[in-house]
Each structure stands twice: as C-alpha cells, then as structure tokens.
Amino acid sequence: MDLDVVNLEYLDGALYLEEDESVERYQLAFDELRAAALTSRQSMELISAVKREFMNRA
C-alpha cells in the first residue's frame, strides 16, 4: 500500500494530492531542490559571512 501524499497549504486552507503522477512531480522537484541545497555547515558559513559583511557596513 503506497500512502504518498503532497500537502499544499495556502492562506485559506490546504490541498492534498494523492494521484501518483502529481506526487511523482512534486517528489522530483523536492529531490532537485535538496540536491541543489547547501550542506548544514555550508549554510552556517554563508550566514556567518553575510552577518560579518552586514556588521561591517553598520
């Protein structure tokens, strides 16, 4: 039994997608975003660098 569901929340409610084709499209998009994302360490380093740059401007 496959229970994959996409939950899309918006201002007035939510939409749940259960059709395999829809779920697969969202899974692919999520996988691509995850592959492009920085690692936790890289994210912390980027945030620290931006903070230092911002503090130097003040």
N, C-alpha and C. Protein backbone atom coordinates (compact mmCIF):
# COMPACT_ATOMS: atom_id res chain seq x y z
N MET A 1 0.84 -1.18 0.00
CA MET A 1 0.00 0.00 0.00
C MET A 1 0.88 1.24 0.00
N ASP A 2 0.71 2.11 -0.99
CA ASP A 2 1.52 3.32 -1.12
C ASP A 2 0.72 4.51 -0.61
N LEU A 3 1.23 5.19 0.41
CA LEU A 3 0.49 6.28 1.04
C LEU A 3 1.12 7.64 0.79
N ASP A 4 1.84 7.84 -0.31
CA ASP A 4 2.46 9.12 -0.59
C ASP A 4 1.38 10.16 -0.88
N VAL A 5 1.54 11.32 -0.23
CA VAL A 5 0.60 12.43 -0.37
C VAL A 5 1.39 13.72 -0.41
N VAL A 6 0.95 14.67 -1.23
CA VAL A 6 1.52 16.01 -1.25
C VAL A 6 0.54 16.92 -0.54
N ASN A 7 1.02 17.68 0.44
CA ASN A 7 0.19 18.61 1.20
C ASN A 7 0.59 20.03 0.80
N LEU A 8 -0.32 20.75 0.18
CA LEU A 8 -0.07 22.13 -0.22
C LEU A 8 -0.93 23.04 0.65
N GLU A 9 -0.29 23.80 1.51
CA GLU A 9 -1.03 24.71 2.37
C GLU A 9 -1.01 26.11 1.77
N TYR A 10 -2.11 26.81 1.91
CA TYR A 10 -2.21 28.17 1.44
C TYR A 10 -3.05 28.96 2.44
N LEU A 11 -3.22 30.24 2.19
CA LEU A 11 -3.83 31.14 3.16
C LEU A 11 -5.20 30.67 3.64
N ASP A 12 -6.02 30.16 2.75
CA ASP A 12 -7.39 29.79 3.11
C ASP A 12 -7.61 28.30 3.32
N GLY A 13 -6.59 27.51 3.32
CA GLY A 13 -6.79 26.08 3.51
C GLY A 13 -5.63 25.25 3.05
N ALA A 14 -5.93 24.06 2.56
CA ALA A 14 -4.90 23.13 2.12
C ALA A 14 -5.45 22.25 1.01
N LEU A 15 -4.52 21.74 0.23
CA LEU A 15 -4.87 20.84 -0.86
C LEU A 15 -4.00 19.59 -0.70
N TYR A 16 -4.61 18.44 -0.80
CA TYR A 16 -3.89 17.17 -0.68
C TYR A 16 -3.94 16.46 -2.03
N LEU A 17 -2.76 16.17 -2.56
CA LEU A 17 -2.67 15.46 -3.84
C LEU A 17 -2.24 14.02 -3.57
N GLU A 18 -2.98 13.09 -4.11
CA GLU A 18 -2.68 11.67 -3.89
C GLU A 18 -2.42 10.91 -5.17
N GLU A 19 -2.71 11.50 -6.32
CA GLU A 19 -2.50 10.78 -7.58
C GLU A 19 -1.02 10.58 -7.82
N ASP A 20 -0.66 9.38 -8.26
CA ASP A 20 0.75 9.03 -8.44
C ASP A 20 1.50 10.04 -9.30
N GLU A 21 0.91 10.47 -10.41
CA GLU A 21 1.58 11.39 -11.32
C GLU A 21 1.89 12.72 -10.63
N SER A 22 0.94 13.25 -9.88
CA SER A 22 1.15 14.51 -9.16
C SER A 22 2.22 14.36 -8.09
N VAL A 23 2.11 13.29 -7.31
CA VAL A 23 3.08 13.05 -6.24
C VAL A 23 4.48 12.90 -6.82
N GLU A 24 4.62 12.19 -7.92
CA GLU A 24 5.93 11.99 -8.55
C GLU A 24 6.54 13.31 -9.00
N ARG A 25 5.71 14.23 -9.56
CA ARG A 25 6.23 15.54 -9.98
C ARG A 25 6.76 16.33 -8.80
N TYR A 26 6.03 16.32 -7.69
CA TYR A 26 6.48 17.03 -6.50
C TYR A 26 7.71 16.36 -5.90
N GLN A 27 7.77 15.04 -5.92
CA GLN A 27 8.94 14.34 -5.40
C GLN A 27 10.19 14.69 -6.21
N LEU A 28 10.06 14.74 -7.52
CA LEU A 28 11.18 15.12 -8.38
C LEU A 28 11.63 16.55 -8.09
N ALA A 29 10.68 17.46 -7.97
CA ALA A 29 11.03 18.85 -7.67
C ALA A 29 11.73 18.95 -6.31
N PHE A 30 11.23 18.23 -5.31
CA PHE A 30 11.84 18.24 -3.99
C PHE A 30 13.24 17.65 -4.03
N ASP A 31 13.42 16.56 -4.75
CA ASP A 31 14.75 15.94 -4.88
C ASP A 31 15.74 16.89 -5.54
N GLU A 32 15.29 17.63 -6.55
CA GLU A 32 16.18 18.58 -7.23
C GLU A 32 16.55 19.74 -6.30
N LEU A 33 15.60 20.23 -5.53
CA LEU A 33 15.89 21.29 -4.56
C LEU A 33 16.87 20.82 -3.50
N ARG A 34 16.64 19.60 -3.01
CA ARG A 34 17.53 19.04 -1.98
C ARG A 34 18.95 18.87 -2.52
N ALA A 35 19.07 18.44 -3.78
CA ALA A 35 20.40 18.25 -4.38
C ALA A 35 21.13 19.58 -4.57
N ALA A 36 20.37 20.66 -4.79
CA ALA A 36 20.98 21.97 -5.01
C ALA A 36 21.28 22.71 -3.71
N ALA A 37 20.71 22.25 -2.60
CA ALA A 37 20.86 22.95 -1.33
C ALA A 37 22.27 22.81 -0.76
N LEU A 38 22.66 23.80 0.01
CA LEU A 38 23.93 23.75 0.72
C LEU A 38 23.84 22.74 1.85
N THR A 39 24.98 22.24 2.29
CA THR A 39 25.01 21.40 3.48
C THR A 39 24.75 22.29 4.70
N SER A 40 24.51 21.69 5.84
CA SER A 40 24.29 22.46 7.06
C SER A 40 25.50 23.34 7.36
N ARG A 41 26.69 22.77 7.23
CA ARG A 41 27.91 23.52 7.50
C ARG A 41 28.06 24.69 6.52
N GLN A 42 27.81 24.44 5.24
CA GLN A 42 27.91 25.50 4.24
C GLN A 42 26.89 26.60 4.51
N SER A 43 25.70 26.21 4.94
CA SER A 43 24.67 27.20 5.27
C SER A 43 25.11 28.07 6.44
N MET A 44 25.66 27.45 7.48
CA MET A 44 26.13 28.21 8.64
C MET A 44 27.27 29.16 8.24
N GLU A 45 28.18 28.69 7.39
CA GLU A 45 29.29 29.53 6.95
C GLU A 45 28.78 30.71 6.13
N LEU A 46 27.81 30.48 5.26
CA LEU A 46 27.24 31.56 4.45
C LEU A 46 26.54 32.58 5.33
N ILE A 47 25.74 32.11 6.28
CA ILE A 47 25.04 33.02 7.19
C ILE A 47 26.04 33.84 7.99
N SER A 48 27.09 33.21 8.47
CA SER A 48 28.12 33.92 9.24
C SER A 48 28.81 34.97 8.38
N ALA A 49 29.11 34.63 7.13
CA ALA A 49 29.78 35.58 6.23
C ALA A 49 28.88 36.78 5.94
N VAL A 50 27.61 36.53 5.72
CA VAL A 50 26.67 37.63 5.46
C VAL A 50 26.52 38.49 6.69
N LYS A 51 26.48 37.86 7.87
CA LYS A 51 26.39 38.62 9.12
C LYS A 51 27.60 39.52 9.29
N ARG A 52 28.81 38.97 9.05
CA ARG A 52 30.02 39.78 9.18
C ARG A 52 29.99 40.96 8.21
N GLU A 53 29.59 40.69 6.98
CA GLU A 53 29.51 41.76 5.98
C GLU A 53 28.51 42.83 6.41
N PHE A 54 27.38 42.41 6.92
CA PHE A 54 26.36 43.35 7.37
C PHE A 54 26.88 44.18 8.55
N MET A 55 27.54 43.54 9.49
CA MET A 55 28.06 44.24 10.68
C MET A 55 29.15 45.22 10.30
N ASN A 56 29.94 44.92 9.28
CA ASN A 56 31.00 45.83 8.83
C ASN A 56 30.43 47.08 8.16
N ARG A 57 29.25 46.99 7.62
CA ARG A 57 28.60 48.13 6.97
C ARG A 57 27.98 49.08 7.98
N ALA A 58 27.67 48.57 9.16
CA ALA A 58 26.96 49.38 10.17
C ALA A 58 27.84 50.42 10.80
